[in-house]
Amino acid sequence: MADLGVNVAGVQFNNPLIAASGTFGFGREYSEFYPLSTLGGISCKGITLQERLGNPPPRIAETPSGILNAVGLQNPGVDHFIAEDLPWLRQQNTVVISNIAGNTPEEYCQMAEKLSDTDVDMIEMNISCPNVKSGGVQFGTSCESVGAITKAVRRCCKKPLIVKLSPNVTDIASIAKSAEAEGADAVSMINTLTGMRIDINTGRPIIHNNTGGMSGPAVFPVAVRMVWQVAQAINIPIIGMGGISTWQDAVEMLIAGAAALQIGTVLFSDPYAPIKINKGIAEFLDKKGLQSVAELTGTINPW
């Protein structure tokens, strides 16, 4: 049987499947379904420097082949995560990735410093956040801002640093190159696409925030395209995500150039999806006579 283990930025995963941030909490609820060691890793719920209550409801709505959400980073704050959630996670025999979000470079750096002194395995930086010092423009929307925030956090981050890329940009390959140039050890992509739906009876958006992040199978072709583009532009590993729901999707994303994968929205409808996807990947590798996931990564044969 093929080896499902993958290595990303020096961190060894038992298999390529990572629970995506914001879809798995801190893992306690899902641990009632199966041991979390079934997963390669967990990218924990995005945390901020201080506790956040998030946006008012309604903040999640189903859309055709996906979900629209504007939860607003509800979380207990970094200190609570370190004191209460991390000790439990460290007992689950899986890679622990801490996802961080902030409104200023200083907030990101403070969290990176705090987490660098813990035993999290990696830090994933969510740059789809408004930089309040620049008028609320997202950190992840330009090469300059991505490079600047990556450089700042890299200086105070002792853990392998993943930069999570936004798809709401004109040239994601150039942005990935900026992250790589300023010290990112890996990139994860794609974050949600900005979307909107309107209730035709009330005339109001169905999300209180008016717009939200769209995820799920509908975004999968966009994610595959962007992973393929970025894989040709950078030399650091890519953690691919965006609408992966089946083992066939997972294999396709790996072929496009991903070294590991994150799955999220599918977990809401099928908590057992990781088990099914891993089984399918293993059987596919055996069928193709491949010994490891790495042999599949980036094997696209373009026209």
Protein backbone atom coordinates (compact mmCIF):
# COMPACT_ATOMS: atom_id res chain seq x y z
CA MET A 1 0.00 0.00 0.00
CA ALA A 2 1.22 3.48 -0.90
CA ASP A 3 2.62 5.79 1.79
CA LEU A 4 0.16 8.62 2.42
CA GLY A 5 2.64 10.63 4.49
CA VAL A 6 3.64 14.09 3.26
CA ASN A 7 6.23 16.61 4.39
CA VAL A 8 5.45 20.32 4.30
CA ALA A 9 8.18 22.76 5.30
CA GLY A 10 9.92 20.13 7.40
CA VAL A 11 6.74 19.05 9.22
CA GLN A 12 5.72 15.42 8.69
CA PHE A 13 2.01 14.60 8.26
CA ASN A 14 0.63 11.06 8.44
CA ASN A 15 -1.55 11.81 5.41
CA PRO A 16 -2.24 14.85 3.20
CA LEU A 17 -5.63 15.79 4.65
CA ILE A 18 -5.83 18.79 6.99
CA ALA A 19 -9.08 20.10 8.45
CA ALA A 20 -9.44 23.67 7.16
CA SER A 21 -9.56 26.59 9.58
CA GLY A 22 -13.04 27.74 10.51
CA THR A 23 -14.73 24.44 9.68
CA PHE A 24 -13.42 22.22 12.47
CA GLY A 25 -13.32 24.45 15.53
CA PHE A 26 -10.55 23.11 17.76
CA GLY A 27 -11.52 19.53 16.96
CA ARG A 28 -13.41 18.56 20.12
CA GLU A 29 -16.78 17.99 18.41
CA TYR A 30 -15.32 15.94 15.56
CA SER A 31 -13.32 13.79 17.97
CA GLU A 32 -16.65 12.19 18.88
CA PHE A 33 -16.78 10.71 15.36
CA TYR A 34 -13.23 9.33 15.08
CA PRO A 35 -9.75 9.78 16.51
CA LEU A 36 -8.25 13.02 15.22
CA SER A 37 -5.11 11.07 14.37
CA THR A 38 -7.16 10.00 11.33
CA LEU A 39 -6.33 13.44 9.94
CA GLY A 40 -2.92 14.56 8.76
CA GLY A 41 -3.44 17.76 10.70
CA ILE A 42 -5.86 20.41 11.95
CA SER A 43 -5.76 24.07 11.02
CA CYS A 44 -7.54 25.45 14.06
CA LYS A 45 -10.27 28.06 14.13
CA GLY A 46 -8.75 31.44 13.31
CA ILE A 47 -7.65 33.23 16.47
CA THR A 48 -7.11 36.91 17.18
CA LEU A 49 -5.15 38.72 19.87
CA GLN A 50 -8.30 39.34 21.92
CA GLU A 51 -11.58 37.44 22.16
CA ARG A 52 -14.06 38.22 19.37
CA LEU A 53 -17.81 37.65 19.28
CA GLY A 54 -17.98 37.78 15.49
CA ASN A 55 -20.68 39.25 13.29
CA PRO A 56 -24.40 39.34 14.16
CA PRO A 57 -26.64 36.69 12.55
CA PRO A 58 -27.69 35.68 10.02
CA ARG A 59 -24.08 34.90 9.14
CA ILE A 60 -24.17 31.50 7.41
CA ALA A 61 -26.38 30.56 4.46
CA GLU A 62 -26.45 27.65 2.06
CA THR A 63 -25.99 28.41 -1.63
CA PRO A 64 -26.07 26.11 -4.67
CA SER A 65 -23.06 23.79 -4.23
CA GLY A 66 -21.66 25.75 -1.33
CA ILE A 67 -21.93 27.94 1.74
CA LEU A 68 -21.81 31.70 2.17
CA ASN A 69 -20.44 32.78 5.55
CA ALA A 70 -19.55 35.95 7.40
CA VAL A 71 -18.96 34.56 10.89
CA GLY A 72 -16.47 37.32 11.58
CA LEU A 73 -13.72 35.34 13.29
CA GLN A 74 -15.60 34.54 16.48
CA ASN A 75 -12.96 33.03 18.78
CA PRO A 76 -11.79 33.02 22.41
CA GLY A 77 -8.47 34.81 21.77
CA VAL A 78 -4.90 33.58 21.57
CA ASP A 79 -4.27 33.32 25.33
CA HIS A 80 -7.34 31.14 25.85
CA PHE A 81 -6.31 28.96 22.91
CA ILE A 82 -2.83 28.43 24.39
CA ALA A 83 -4.12 27.71 27.90
CA GLU A 84 -7.27 25.70 27.20
CA ASP A 85 -7.32 24.26 23.70
CA LEU A 86 -3.71 23.55 22.77
CA PRO A 87 -2.98 21.12 25.65
CA TRP A 88 -5.93 18.96 24.56
CA LEU A 89 -4.98 19.17 20.88
CA ARG A 90 -1.44 18.05 21.64
CA GLN A 91 -2.86 14.76 22.95
CA GLN A 92 -4.59 13.94 19.65
CA ASN A 93 -1.55 12.69 17.71
CA THR A 94 -2.00 14.96 14.74
CA VAL A 95 -0.23 18.05 13.38
CA VAL A 96 -1.55 21.24 15.00
CA ILE A 97 -1.59 24.39 12.86
CA SER A 98 -2.53 27.66 14.54
CA ASN A 99 -4.39 30.05 12.23
CA ILE A 100 -3.95 33.72 13.14
CA ALA A 101 -5.75 36.88 12.02
CA GLY A 102 -5.28 40.53 12.87
CA ASN A 103 -6.08 44.11 11.98
CA THR A 104 -2.54 45.48 12.25
CA PRO A 105 0.97 44.07 11.65
CA GLU A 106 1.61 44.46 15.38
CA GLU A 107 -1.29 42.15 16.24
CA TYR A 108 -0.01 39.47 13.88
CA CYS A 109 3.50 39.76 15.32
CA GLN A 110 2.32 39.56 18.92
CA MET A 111 0.41 36.37 18.19
CA ALA A 112 3.31 34.85 16.27
CA GLU A 113 5.62 35.56 19.21
CA LYS A 114 3.22 34.03 21.73
CA LEU A 115 2.64 30.92 19.63
CA SER A 116 6.33 30.49 18.84
CA ASP A 117 6.88 29.74 22.51
CA THR A 118 4.28 26.93 22.46
CA ASP A 119 4.33 23.48 20.89
CA VAL A 120 2.08 24.23 17.90
CA ASP A 121 3.65 22.68 14.81
CA MET A 122 3.00 25.47 12.31
CA ILE A 123 1.43 28.93 12.08
CA GLU A 124 -0.97 29.78 9.25
CA MET A 125 -1.40 33.49 8.63
CA ASN A 126 -4.84 34.56 7.39
CA ILE A 127 -4.19 37.70 5.35
CA SER A 128 -7.81 38.18 4.24
CA CYS A 129 -8.17 40.68 7.07
CA PRO A 130 -8.54 44.48 6.96
CA ASN A 131 -5.40 46.46 7.71
CA VAL A 132 -6.93 49.26 9.75
CA LYS A 133 -3.76 51.33 9.41
CA SER A 134 -4.25 51.37 5.64
CA GLY A 135 -7.90 52.32 5.63
CA GLY A 136 -9.26 48.78 5.92
CA VAL A 137 -7.69 47.40 2.75
CA GLN A 138 -7.04 43.66 3.10
CA PHE A 139 -3.46 42.56 3.69
CA GLY A 140 -3.76 39.90 1.01
CA THR A 141 -4.77 41.99 -2.00
CA SER A 142 -1.43 43.36 -3.23
CA CYS A 143 2.13 42.14 -3.61
CA GLU A 144 3.38 45.01 -1.46
CA SER A 145 1.05 44.38 1.48
CA VAL A 146 1.55 40.60 1.36
CA GLY A 147 5.31 41.04 1.27
CA ALA A 148 5.28 43.55 4.12
CA ILE A 149 3.11 41.51 6.50
CA THR A 150 5.01 38.29 5.70
CA LYS A 151 8.35 40.00 6.35
CA ALA A 152 7.14 41.45 9.65
CA VAL A 153 5.73 38.17 10.95
CA ARG A 154 8.68 36.15 9.71
CA ARG A 155 11.01 38.18 11.96
CA CYS A 156 9.13 37.11 15.11
CA CYS A 157 7.88 33.66 14.08
CA LYS A 158 10.02 30.69 15.10
CA LYS A 159 7.60 28.12 13.68
CA PRO A 160 7.14 27.13 10.02
CA LEU A 161 5.01 29.92 8.53
CA ILE A 162 2.15 29.28 6.10
CA VAL A 163 0.62 32.28 4.30
CA LYS A 164 -3.05 31.70 3.39
CA LEU A 165 -3.79 33.40 0.08
CA SER A 166 -6.98 35.18 -0.94
CA PRO A 167 -8.44 34.40 -4.37
CA ASN A 168 -9.99 37.88 -4.59
CA VAL A 169 -7.01 39.28 -6.50
CA THR A 170 -5.97 39.83 -10.11
CA ASP A 171 -2.66 37.92 -10.08
CA ILE A 172 -2.37 35.31 -7.34
CA ALA A 173 0.94 33.94 -8.67
CA SER A 174 2.70 37.27 -8.14
CA ILE A 175 1.26 37.55 -4.64
CA ALA A 176 2.49 34.04 -3.82
CA LYS A 177 5.94 35.01 -5.05
CA SER A 178 5.93 38.01 -2.70
CA ALA A 179 5.10 35.75 0.25
CA GLU A 180 7.88 33.35 -0.73
CA ALA A 181 10.41 36.17 -1.18
CA GLU A 182 9.75 37.51 2.33
CA GLY A 183 10.12 34.19 4.14
CA ALA A 184 6.95 32.12 3.89
CA ASP A 185 7.69 28.41 4.29
CA ALA A 186 4.49 27.40 2.46
CA VAL A 187 1.28 28.89 1.10
CA SER A 188 -2.26 27.61 1.56
CA MET A 189 -4.90 28.42 -1.02
CA ILE A 190 -7.54 29.35 -1.75
CA ASN A 191 -9.42 31.19 0.95
CA THR A 192 -13.09 31.92 0.25
CA LEU A 193 -14.36 33.90 -2.74
CA THR A 194 -16.37 37.00 -1.89
CA GLY A 195 -20.04 36.43 -2.69
CA MET A 196 -23.52 37.78 -2.05
CA ARG A 197 -27.16 36.63 -2.19
CA ILE A 198 -30.33 38.71 -1.82
CA ASP A 199 -33.74 37.71 -0.46
CA ILE A 200 -36.07 38.79 -3.27
CA ASN A 201 -39.03 39.16 -0.88
CA THR A 202 -37.38 41.54 1.57
CA GLY A 203 -34.76 42.99 -0.76
CA ARG A 204 -32.18 42.41 1.93
CA PRO A 205 -28.96 40.42 1.60
CA ILE A 206 -29.34 37.00 3.21
CA ILE A 207 -26.17 37.65 5.22
CA HIS A 208 -26.25 40.45 7.83
CA ASN A 209 -22.77 41.49 6.71
CA ASN A 210 -24.19 41.93 3.16
CA THR A 211 -21.32 39.94 1.62
CA GLY A 212 -19.60 36.77 2.76
CA GLY A 213 -17.03 34.19 1.86
CA MET A 214 -18.18 31.48 -0.52
CA SER A 215 -16.81 27.96 -0.14
CA GLY A 216 -17.76 24.47 -1.24
CA PRO A 217 -17.80 22.49 -4.51
CA ALA A 218 -18.77 25.53 -6.61
CA VAL A 219 -15.34 27.12 -6.07
CA PHE A 220 -13.31 23.98 -6.82
CA PRO A 221 -12.44 24.76 -10.48
CA VAL A 222 -11.21 28.22 -9.46
CA ALA A 223 -9.05 26.69 -6.73
CA VAL A 224 -7.53 24.11 -9.10
CA ARG A 225 -6.68 26.83 -11.62
CA MET A 226 -5.04 29.02 -9.01
CA VAL A 227 -3.03 26.17 -7.45
CA TRP A 228 -1.76 25.25 -10.91
CA GLN A 229 -0.75 28.85 -11.63
CA VAL A 230 1.04 29.30 -8.31
CA ALA A 231 2.80 25.93 -8.56
CA GLN A 232 4.55 27.21 -11.68
CA ALA A 233 5.68 30.40 -9.94
CA ILE A 234 7.06 29.35 -6.53
CA ASN A 235 9.32 26.68 -5.06
CA ILE A 236 7.79 26.39 -1.57
CA PRO A 237 4.99 23.84 -0.89
CA ILE A 238 1.34 24.58 -1.61
CA ILE A 239 -1.45 23.36 0.64
CA GLY A 240 -4.41 23.21 -1.73
CA MET A 241 -8.00 23.83 -0.68
CA GLY A 242 -11.28 25.09 -2.04
CA GLY A 243 -14.26 22.81 -2.59
CA ILE A 244 -12.53 19.45 -2.20
CA SER A 245 -15.35 16.98 -1.51
CA THR A 246 -14.26 13.61 -2.91
CA TRP A 247 -11.08 11.59 -3.32
CA GLN A 248 -11.18 12.43 -7.03
CA ASP A 249 -11.12 16.15 -6.16
CA ALA A 250 -8.19 15.52 -3.82
CA VAL A 251 -6.20 13.69 -6.50
CA GLU A 252 -6.95 16.45 -9.00
CA MET A 253 -5.69 19.12 -6.62
CA LEU A 254 -2.50 17.16 -5.97
CA ILE A 255 -1.90 16.77 -9.71
CA ALA A 256 -2.37 20.53 -10.11
CA GLY A 257 0.56 21.10 -7.75
CA ALA A 258 -0.55 20.78 -4.12
CA ALA A 259 1.74 18.98 -1.66
CA ALA A 260 -1.02 18.64 0.96
CA LEU A 261 -4.71 19.46 1.16
CA GLN A 262 -7.24 21.19 3.40
CA ILE A 263 -10.89 20.20 3.42
CA GLY A 264 -13.62 22.24 5.04
CA THR A 265 -17.17 22.72 3.81
CA VAL A 266 -17.65 19.01 3.07
CA LEU A 267 -17.19 18.28 6.78
CA PHE A 268 -20.53 19.94 7.54
CA SER A 269 -22.45 17.48 5.38
CA ASP A 270 -20.20 14.45 5.88
CA PRO A 271 -17.94 14.38 8.96
CA TYR A 272 -16.46 11.10 7.71
CA ALA A 273 -15.23 12.63 4.45
CA PRO A 274 -11.53 12.53 5.49
CA ILE A 275 -11.67 8.75 5.97
CA LYS A 276 -13.30 8.25 2.57
CA ILE A 277 -10.94 10.64 0.79
CA ASN A 278 -7.81 9.08 2.27
CA LYS A 279 -9.01 5.62 1.29
CA GLY A 280 -9.65 6.79 -2.27
CA ILE A 281 -6.23 8.45 -2.58
CA ALA A 282 -4.49 5.30 -1.32
CA GLU A 283 -6.37 3.07 -3.77
CA PHE A 284 -5.62 5.44 -6.65
CA LEU A 285 -1.91 5.49 -5.85
CA ASP A 286 -1.86 1.69 -5.71
CA LYS A 287 -3.70 1.47 -9.01
CA LYS A 288 -1.15 3.78 -10.63
CA GLY A 289 1.79 1.95 -9.08
CA LEU A 290 2.90 5.02 -7.11
CA GLN A 291 4.59 4.68 -3.74
CA SER A 292 3.80 8.09 -2.25
CA VAL A 293 1.62 11.20 -2.49
CA ALA A 294 4.69 13.23 -3.45
CA GLU A 295 4.95 11.25 -6.70
CA LEU A 296 1.53 12.62 -7.67
CA THR A 297 2.10 16.28 -6.79
CA GLY A 298 2.46 18.55 -9.82
CA THR A 299 2.20 15.79 -12.42
CA ILE A 300 -0.24 17.71 -14.62
CA ASN A 301 0.25 17.06 -18.34
CA PRO A 302 -0.98 20.30 -19.96
CA TRP A 303 -1.93 20.54 -23.61
